[in-house]
Protein backbone atom coordinates (compact mmCIF):
# COMPACT_ATOMS: atom_id res chain seq x y z
CA MET A 1 114.03 100.35 85.93
CA VAL A 2 112.15 100.38 89.23
CA ASN A 3 108.68 98.88 89.46
CA GLN A 4 105.93 101.06 90.88
CA ALA A 5 104.68 99.61 94.17
CA ARG A 6 101.11 98.51 94.62
CA VAL A 7 99.20 100.04 97.53
CA VAL A 8 97.09 98.00 99.95
CA LEU A 9 95.00 99.92 102.48
CA VAL A 10 94.20 98.53 105.92
CA ALA A 11 91.62 100.48 107.88
CA CYS A 12 90.02 100.29 111.29
CA GLY A 13 88.10 102.92 113.21
CA GLY A 14 91.02 105.15 114.13
CA GLY A 15 93.81 103.70 112.01
CA ILE A 16 95.93 103.14 115.10
CA ALA A 17 95.74 99.75 116.80
CA SER A 18 94.01 97.00 114.84
CA SER A 19 95.01 98.28 111.42
CA HIS A 20 98.68 98.31 112.42
CA VAL A 21 98.47 94.74 113.74
CA VAL A 22 96.92 93.60 110.45
CA LYS A 23 99.37 95.68 108.41
CA ASN A 24 102.31 93.97 110.10
CA ARG A 25 100.82 90.49 109.71
CA ILE A 26 100.24 91.06 106.00
CA LYS A 27 103.71 92.56 105.58
CA ASP A 28 105.35 89.57 107.28
CA ARG A 29 103.42 87.08 105.15
CA LEU A 30 104.17 88.92 101.92
CA GLU A 31 107.87 88.87 102.81
CA ALA A 32 107.68 85.13 103.56
CA TYR A 33 106.12 84.55 100.13
CA GLY A 34 108.75 86.75 98.47
CA ILE A 35 106.14 89.22 97.22
CA GLU A 36 107.65 92.65 96.72
CA ASN A 37 106.63 96.11 95.54
CA VAL A 38 103.70 96.39 97.94
CA ILE A 39 103.10 99.36 100.21
CA ILE A 40 100.68 98.62 103.04
CA LYS A 41 99.10 101.68 104.63
CA ALA A 42 97.28 101.58 107.98
CA ILE A 43 94.67 104.33 107.82
CA PRO A 44 91.59 105.59 109.66
CA TYR A 45 88.36 104.18 108.28
CA LEU A 46 87.07 107.64 107.32
CA LYS A 47 89.91 108.10 104.81
CA ALA A 48 89.38 104.78 103.02
CA GLN A 49 87.02 105.97 100.31
CA ILE A 50 89.31 108.77 99.11
CA LEU A 51 92.54 106.78 99.44
CA SER A 52 91.03 103.77 97.66
CA ARG A 53 91.69 105.60 94.38
CA GLU A 54 95.41 104.89 94.71
CA ALA A 55 95.06 101.32 96.01
CA VAL A 56 94.75 97.89 94.44
CA LEU A 57 92.99 96.51 97.54
CA TYR A 58 91.27 97.72 100.70
CA VAL A 59 91.47 95.39 103.73
CA ASN A 60 88.54 96.45 105.91
CA LEU A 61 88.30 95.82 109.65
CA SER A 62 84.97 97.63 110.02
CA PRO A 63 81.46 96.37 109.35
CA ASN A 64 80.27 96.49 105.75
CA ASP A 65 79.14 100.06 105.23
CA GLY A 66 77.67 99.92 101.71
CA ILE A 67 80.10 102.55 100.44
CA ASN A 68 81.52 102.08 96.95
CA TYR A 69 85.30 102.08 96.90
CA ALA A 70 87.56 102.58 93.89
CA CYS A 71 89.30 99.25 94.54
CA PRO A 72 88.23 95.78 95.66
CA VAL A 73 87.47 95.30 99.37
CA MET A 74 88.17 92.24 101.51
CA SER A 75 87.69 91.50 105.19
CA GLY A 76 90.72 91.92 107.41
CA ILE A 77 89.20 90.05 110.35
CA PRO A 78 91.08 86.79 109.55
CA PHE A 79 94.38 88.70 109.76
CA LEU A 80 93.34 90.12 113.12
CA THR A 81 91.99 86.92 114.71
CA GLY A 82 94.10 84.32 112.92
CA PHE A 83 91.01 82.28 112.00
CA GLY A 84 90.94 81.79 108.23
CA ILE A 85 94.18 83.66 107.73
CA GLU A 86 95.51 81.29 105.05
CA ALA A 87 92.38 81.67 102.89
CA ALA A 88 92.51 85.44 103.39
CA MET A 89 96.16 85.48 102.38
CA GLU A 90 95.34 83.55 99.21
CA GLU A 91 92.64 86.10 98.40
CA LEU A 92 95.08 88.95 98.98
CA LYS A 93 97.74 87.29 96.82
CA ALA A 94 95.18 86.81 94.03
CA HIS A 95 94.41 90.54 94.07
CA LEU A 96 98.11 91.36 93.88
CA GLU A 97 98.66 88.91 91.03
CA HIS A 98 95.78 90.58 89.17
CA HIS A 99 97.58 93.93 89.61
CA PRO A 100 101.28 93.35 88.92
CA PRO A 101 103.71 96.22 89.61
CA LYS A 102 103.90 98.75 86.80
CA ALA A 103 107.32 99.20 85.25
């Protein structure tokens, strides 16, 4: 039986540059920790609210906008700058542990 992957959204203004950098940094760290069944999607900021319905976490690279999302939101700035990246990774792992893959 295959586990259903969890979706993590990463969004910046256009979903092109910064979100892909952060996506790859998260992907590499998840692989290093042996965490599987996670799909990380780099998306444009304007699609985040709708796509948050299918996600377990939204990693936001934009300023806090006051919009309500269907999943928890965390800052992606530590993944972009490298400052505070370990604490951010622990936060991300905690969200994933709270939402294990569905069988």
